[in-house]
Amino acid sequence: MLRRRSWPPRTRRNRPRGLQQTVRNESAELRHFVTDLRPVRVQSADLVDLMRGFAERFRNESSLALDLIVDSADLHASDRVCREFSRFTVKHLTT
């Protein structure tokens, strides 16, 4: 037989507000995290350092492990490719 726990009326009313506030706080924190990681302009010369920064921040703010392996520190790609690659990386680190 299942028994439901009876919450006092005051607790019953406050419980949804507490959950809503928790969701709001977590959403705000996620937005902050994503905004901080979003680069405005990415050039080829900055890509490796930018990726190292992403990886370091992810390691600090997540319980997941992350290894960044770069074959060459001397990358040559267009700014568009670098920007798209950094957006792709940020998107996948946050999801």
C-alpha atoms as a PDB file:
ATOM      1  CA  MET A   1       0.000   0.000   0.000  1.00  0.00           C
ATOM      2  CA  LEU A   2       1.373   3.386  -0.994  1.00  0.00           C
ATOM      3  CA  ARG A   3       1.130   6.261   1.404  1.00  0.00           C
ATOM      4  CA  ARG A   4       1.362   9.849   0.394  1.00  0.00           C
ATOM      5  CA  ARG A   5       3.157  12.162   2.650  1.00  0.00           C
ATOM      6  CA  SER A   6       0.932  14.949   3.755  1.00  0.00           C
ATOM      7  CA  TRP A   7       2.681  18.283   3.592  1.00  0.00           C
ATOM      8  CA  PRO A   8       1.503  21.107   5.793  1.00  0.00           C
ATOM      9  CA  PRO A   9      -0.440  23.699   3.750  1.00  0.00           C
ATOM     10  CA  ARG A  10       2.311  26.287   4.120  1.00  0.00           C
ATOM     11  CA  THR A  11       4.978  23.903   2.763  1.00  0.00           C
ATOM     12  CA  ARG A  12       2.721  22.788  -0.077  1.00  0.00           C
ATOM     13  CA  ARG A  13       2.336  26.360  -1.283  1.00  0.00           C
ATOM     14  CA  ASN A  14       6.058  27.181  -1.063  1.00  0.00           C
ATOM     15  CA  ARG A  15       7.364  24.017  -2.678  1.00  0.00           C
ATOM     16  CA  PRO A  16       6.537  25.004  -6.314  1.00  0.00           C
ATOM     17  CA  ARG A  17       8.018  28.469  -5.796  1.00  0.00           C
ATOM     18  CA  GLY A  18      11.237  26.945  -4.544  1.00  0.00           C
ATOM     19  CA  LEU A  19      11.431  24.651  -7.568  1.00  0.00           C
ATOM     20  CA  GLN A  20      10.680  27.525  -9.950  1.00  0.00           C
ATOM     21  CA  GLN A  21      13.408  29.606  -8.360  1.00  0.00           C
ATOM     22  CA  THR A  22      15.880  26.741  -8.654  1.00  0.00           C
ATOM     23  CA  VAL A  23      15.068  26.357 -12.357  1.00  0.00           C
ATOM     24  CA  ARG A  24      15.450  30.119 -12.889  1.00  0.00           C
ATOM     25  CA  ASN A  25      18.808  30.149 -11.110  1.00  0.00           C
ATOM     26  CA  GLU A  26      20.130  27.190 -13.087  1.00  0.00           C
ATOM     27  CA  SER A  27      18.926  28.705 -16.379  1.00  0.00           C
ATOM     28  CA  ALA A  28      20.611  32.009 -15.571  1.00  0.00           C
ATOM     29  CA  GLU A  29      23.841  30.214 -14.691  1.00  0.00           C
ATOM     30  CA  LEU A  30      23.772  28.262 -17.966  1.00  0.00           C
ATOM     31  CA  ARG A  31      23.142  31.459 -19.972  1.00  0.00           C
ATOM     32  CA  HIS A  32      26.052  33.115 -18.175  1.00  0.00           C
ATOM     33  CA  PHE A  33      28.315  30.158 -18.891  1.00  0.00           C
ATOM     34  CA  VAL A  34      27.426  30.106 -22.600  1.00  0.00           C
ATOM     35  CA  THR A  35      27.738  33.888 -22.962  1.00  0.00           C
ATOM     36  CA  ASP A  36      31.170  33.906 -21.353  1.00  0.00           C
ATOM     37  CA  LEU A  37      32.404  31.217 -23.695  1.00  0.00           C
ATOM     38  CA  ARG A  38      31.078  32.832 -26.878  1.00  0.00           C
ATOM     39  CA  PRO A  39      33.841  34.552 -28.844  1.00  0.00           C
ATOM     40  CA  VAL A  40      33.097  37.686 -30.820  1.00  0.00           C
ATOM     41  CA  ARG A  41      35.876  37.275 -33.374  1.00  0.00           C
ATOM     42  CA  VAL A  42      38.151  34.308 -33.777  1.00  0.00           C
ATOM     43  CA  GLN A  43      41.266  34.433 -35.886  1.00  0.00           C
ATOM     44  CA  SER A  44      43.446  31.531 -36.867  1.00  0.00           C
ATOM     45  CA  ALA A  45      46.285  32.674 -34.617  1.00  0.00           C
ATOM     46  CA  ASP A  46      43.969  32.749 -31.569  1.00  0.00           C
ATOM     47  CA  LEU A  47      42.135  29.474 -32.111  1.00  0.00           C
ATOM     48  CA  VAL A  48      44.409  27.158 -30.112  1.00  0.00           C
ATOM     49  CA  ASP A  49      44.541  29.510 -27.119  1.00  0.00           C
ATOM     50  CA  LEU A  50      40.795  30.001 -27.301  1.00  0.00           C
ATOM     51  CA  MET A  51      40.206  26.247 -27.367  1.00  0.00           C
ATOM     52  CA  ARG A  52      42.531  25.764 -24.392  1.00  0.00           C
ATOM     53  CA  GLY A  53      40.539  28.398 -22.521  1.00  0.00           C
ATOM     54  CA  PHE A  54      37.268  26.622 -23.352  1.00  0.00           C
ATOM     55  CA  ALA A  55      38.681  23.321 -22.146  1.00  0.00           C
ATOM     56  CA  GLU A  56      40.034  24.806 -18.908  1.00  0.00           C
ATOM     57  CA  ARG A  57      36.780  26.530 -18.081  1.00  0.00           C
ATOM     58  CA  PHE A  58      34.787  23.387 -18.853  1.00  0.00           C
ATOM     59  CA  ARG A  59      37.059  21.341 -16.562  1.00  0.00           C
ATOM     60  CA  ASN A  60      36.577  23.869 -13.755  1.00  0.00           C
ATOM     61  CA  GLU A  61      32.795  24.116 -14.064  1.00  0.00           C
ATOM     62  CA  SER A  62      31.875  20.542 -14.909  1.00  0.00           C
ATOM     63  CA  SER A  63      32.253  17.174 -13.281  1.00  0.00           C
ATOM     64  CA  LEU A  64      33.145  15.642 -16.659  1.00  0.00           C
ATOM     65  CA  ALA A  65      36.694  15.038 -17.822  1.00  0.00           C
ATOM     66  CA  LEU A  66      37.968  16.734 -20.964  1.00  0.00           C
ATOM     67  CA  ASP A  67      41.243  16.336 -22.837  1.00  0.00           C
ATOM     68  CA  LEU A  68      42.154  18.815 -25.557  1.00  0.00           C
ATOM     69  CA  ILE A  69      44.593  17.461 -28.114  1.00  0.00           C
ATOM     70  CA  VAL A  70      45.970  19.799 -30.770  1.00  0.00           C
ATOM     71  CA  ASP A  71      48.286  18.314 -33.410  1.00  0.00           C
ATOM     72  CA  SER A  72      49.747  21.633 -34.454  1.00  0.00           C
ATOM     73  CA  ALA A  73      49.887  24.969 -32.703  1.00  0.00           C
ATOM     74  CA  ASP A  74      50.470  26.580 -36.105  1.00  0.00           C
ATOM     75  CA  LEU A  75      46.984  26.364 -37.614  1.00  0.00           C
ATOM     76  CA  HIS A  76      46.030  28.229 -40.765  1.00  0.00           C
ATOM     77  CA  ALA A  77      42.326  28.589 -41.440  1.00  0.00           C
ATOM     78  CA  SER A  78      40.021  31.404 -42.443  1.00  0.00           C
ATOM     79  CA  ASP A  79      38.409  33.502 -39.713  1.00  0.00           C
ATOM     80  CA  ARG A  80      35.032  32.085 -40.741  1.00  0.00           C
ATOM     81  CA  VAL A  81      36.205  28.498 -40.265  1.00  0.00           C
ATOM     82  CA  CYS A  82      37.757  29.360 -36.895  1.00  0.00           C
ATOM     83  CA  ARG A  83      34.583  31.127 -35.738  1.00  0.00           C
ATOM     84  CA  GLU A  84      32.364  28.215 -36.798  1.00  0.00           C
ATOM     85  CA  PHE A  85      34.680  25.683 -35.197  1.00  0.00           C
ATOM     86  CA  SER A  86      34.655  27.594 -31.908  1.00  0.00           C
ATOM     87  CA  ARG A  87      30.834  27.886 -31.996  1.00  0.00           C
ATOM     88  CA  PHE A  88      30.557  24.161 -32.675  1.00  0.00           C
ATOM     89  CA  THR A  89      32.858  23.405 -29.751  1.00  0.00           C
ATOM     90  CA  VAL A  90      31.029  25.698 -27.316  1.00  0.00           C
ATOM     91  CA  LYS A  91      27.668  24.281 -28.351  1.00  0.00           C
ATOM     92  CA  HIS A  92      28.793  20.724 -27.738  1.00  0.00           C
ATOM     93  CA  LEU A  93      30.498  21.490 -24.453  1.00  0.00           C
ATOM     94  CA  THR A  94      27.306  23.018 -23.084  1.00  0.00           C
ATOM     95  CA  THR A  95      24.943  20.261 -24.218  1.00  0.00           C
END
